[in-house]
Amino acid sequence: MQQQTIRVTDFDSRRLQGLIRGSQVVDTLDAGSVDGLERHLDEAEVTPAAHIGPDVVTMSSEVQVSDLDSGETFDFQLVFPHLADAPAGKISVLAPLGMAVLGRSVGEMVSWQVPAGVRRLRVDHVLYQPEREGRDIA
């Protein structure tokens, strides 16, 4: 299945670029993850937040995905690193899973390399998206 364009809101793009710039000044973040996020954003189409589709995963979105190999379905919220709490279902945008779903739409498959091979997931639902609620559009 061919992946569609990665779409990131202008508001999220500014905040994520700030995260990248800040990580160069304060070396508290994993450099590889920051570099990966920078490449991800370079590939993204920046869209005004008020015009982003309701089925696109944006920052603070709650998303449901299915593991295409195990059939397991799970939900999580995509968050900035300082809010990450995996046991509470809050996954950092710097984590491989978080970066993989950022900007993806319902129905898209995402994959990334893990030590045991390749992990493949499908975005099933965007349960909550701030822009759909009129938030994060400034």
Protein backbone atom coordinates (compact mmCIF):
# COMPACT_ATOMS: atom_id res chain seq x y z
CA MET A 1 0.00 0.00 0.00
CA GLN A 2 1.41 3.38 -0.99
CA GLN A 3 1.57 5.95 1.79
CA GLN A 4 -0.12 9.27 1.24
CA THR A 5 1.32 12.68 1.92
CA ILE A 6 2.29 13.48 5.50
CA ARG A 7 0.21 16.51 6.56
CA VAL A 8 1.20 18.66 9.52
CA THR A 9 -0.62 21.77 10.66
CA ASP A 10 1.18 25.09 10.57
CA PHE A 11 0.69 25.38 14.34
CA ASP A 12 2.19 21.93 15.02
CA SER A 13 5.02 22.60 12.56
CA ARG A 14 6.03 25.76 14.45
CA ARG A 15 5.91 23.97 17.82
CA LEU A 16 7.84 20.95 16.54
CA GLN A 17 10.47 23.16 14.86
CA GLY A 18 10.85 24.87 18.25
CA LEU A 19 11.36 21.47 19.87
CA ILE A 20 14.06 20.67 17.31
CA ARG A 21 15.82 24.03 17.79
CA GLY A 22 15.59 23.73 21.57
CA SER A 23 17.14 20.28 21.52
CA GLN A 24 20.26 21.71 19.86
CA VAL A 25 20.69 24.15 22.73
CA VAL A 26 19.76 21.83 25.61
CA ASP A 27 21.06 18.35 24.85
CA THR A 28 18.43 16.41 26.82
CA LEU A 29 16.72 14.71 23.88
CA ASP A 30 17.93 11.76 21.84
CA ALA A 31 19.73 13.27 18.86
CA GLY A 32 18.68 10.44 16.52
CA SER A 33 15.02 10.95 17.33
CA VAL A 34 15.28 14.70 16.82
CA ASP A 35 17.01 14.15 13.48
CA GLY A 36 14.25 11.71 12.50
CA LEU A 37 11.58 14.24 13.42
CA GLU A 38 13.35 16.89 11.38
CA ARG A 39 13.41 14.57 8.33
CA HIS A 40 9.72 13.72 8.89
CA LEU A 41 8.82 17.41 8.93
CA ASP A 42 10.91 18.04 5.82
CA GLU A 43 8.72 15.51 3.99
CA ALA A 44 5.48 16.95 5.33
CA GLU A 45 3.00 19.21 3.61
CA VAL A 46 2.24 22.07 6.01
CA THR A 47 -1.47 22.86 6.09
CA PRO A 48 -3.29 25.68 7.90
CA ALA A 49 -4.66 24.14 11.09
CA ALA A 50 -8.19 25.33 10.32
CA HIS A 51 -8.07 23.33 7.05
CA ILE A 52 -6.57 20.03 8.24
CA GLY A 53 -8.76 17.01 7.57
CA PRO A 54 -10.58 15.55 10.58
CA ASP A 55 -9.00 12.13 9.89
CA VAL A 56 -5.37 13.34 10.13
CA VAL A 57 -3.26 12.59 13.23
CA THR A 58 -2.04 15.89 14.69
CA MET A 59 -0.30 16.70 17.96
CA SER A 60 -2.49 15.88 21.00
CA SER A 61 -4.69 13.63 18.85
CA GLU A 62 -6.01 10.41 20.32
CA VAL A 63 -5.65 7.65 17.78
CA GLN A 64 -6.61 3.99 17.44
CA VAL A 65 -4.29 1.71 15.49
CA SER A 66 -4.22 -1.98 14.59
CA ASP A 67 -1.10 -4.11 14.53
CA LEU A 68 -1.25 -5.73 11.10
CA ASP A 69 0.70 -8.79 12.22
CA SER A 70 -0.92 -9.60 15.58
CA GLY A 71 -4.36 -8.09 14.94
CA GLU A 72 -4.13 -6.22 18.27
CA THR A 73 -5.88 -2.84 18.42
CA PHE A 74 -4.83 -0.12 20.84
CA ASP A 75 -5.38 3.58 21.52
CA PHE A 76 -2.91 6.29 22.50
CA GLN A 77 -2.46 10.06 22.52
CA LEU A 78 0.36 11.70 20.53
CA VAL A 79 2.15 14.17 22.84
CA PHE A 80 5.26 16.30 23.20
CA PRO A 81 8.17 14.55 24.96
CA HIS A 82 7.69 16.23 28.34
CA LEU A 83 4.12 14.83 28.52
CA ALA A 84 5.02 11.27 27.50
CA ASP A 85 3.76 8.51 29.79
CA ALA A 86 3.57 5.18 27.94
CA PRO A 87 1.65 3.32 30.69
CA ALA A 88 -0.98 6.09 30.54
CA GLY A 89 -1.18 5.85 26.74
CA LYS A 90 0.68 9.11 26.05
CA ILE A 91 3.28 8.48 23.34
CA SER A 92 5.97 11.04 22.50
CA VAL A 93 6.28 12.37 18.98
CA LEU A 94 9.98 11.45 19.31
CA ALA A 95 9.14 7.76 19.84
CA PRO A 96 9.14 5.64 16.67
CA LEU A 97 5.38 5.01 16.98
CA GLY A 98 4.62 8.69 17.56
CA MET A 99 6.71 9.85 14.64
CA ALA A 100 5.24 7.15 12.38
CA VAL A 101 1.63 8.30 12.87
CA LEU A 102 2.18 12.08 12.90
CA GLY A 103 0.51 13.52 9.82
CA ARG A 104 -1.00 10.22 8.69
CA SER A 105 -4.66 9.69 7.85
CA VAL A 106 -7.19 7.04 8.79
CA GLY A 107 -6.64 3.94 6.68
CA GLU A 108 -2.92 4.47 6.14
CA MET A 109 -0.37 1.84 7.04
CA VAL A 110 2.83 2.88 8.82
CA SER A 111 5.92 0.79 9.43
CA TRP A 112 9.31 1.14 11.08
CA GLN A 113 12.26 -1.04 11.98
CA VAL A 114 12.39 -2.61 15.46
CA PRO A 115 15.02 -5.05 16.79
CA ALA A 116 12.73 -8.03 16.01
CA GLY A 117 12.00 -6.90 12.43
CA VAL A 118 9.47 -4.46 10.99
CA ARG A 119 6.44 -3.25 12.92
CA ARG A 120 3.38 -2.56 10.75
CA LEU A 121 0.31 -0.68 11.95
CA ARG A 122 -2.78 0.80 10.35
CA VAL A 123 -4.37 4.03 11.55
CA ASP A 124 -7.98 3.01 12.23
CA HIS A 125 -9.55 6.06 13.88
CA VAL A 126 -8.71 9.55 15.06
CA LEU A 127 -10.76 9.46 18.25
CA TYR A 128 -9.95 13.05 19.20
CA GLN A 129 -8.24 15.80 17.22
CA PRO A 130 -7.80 19.28 18.76
CA GLU A 131 -8.36 21.07 15.45
CA ARG A 132 -11.71 19.31 14.99
CA GLU A 133 -12.70 20.82 18.35
CA GLY A 134 -11.55 24.30 17.33
CA ARG A 135 -8.32 24.08 19.36
CA ASP A 136 -4.69 24.49 18.29
CA ILE A 137 -5.67 26.51 15.23
CA ALA A 138 -3.88 29.74 16.16
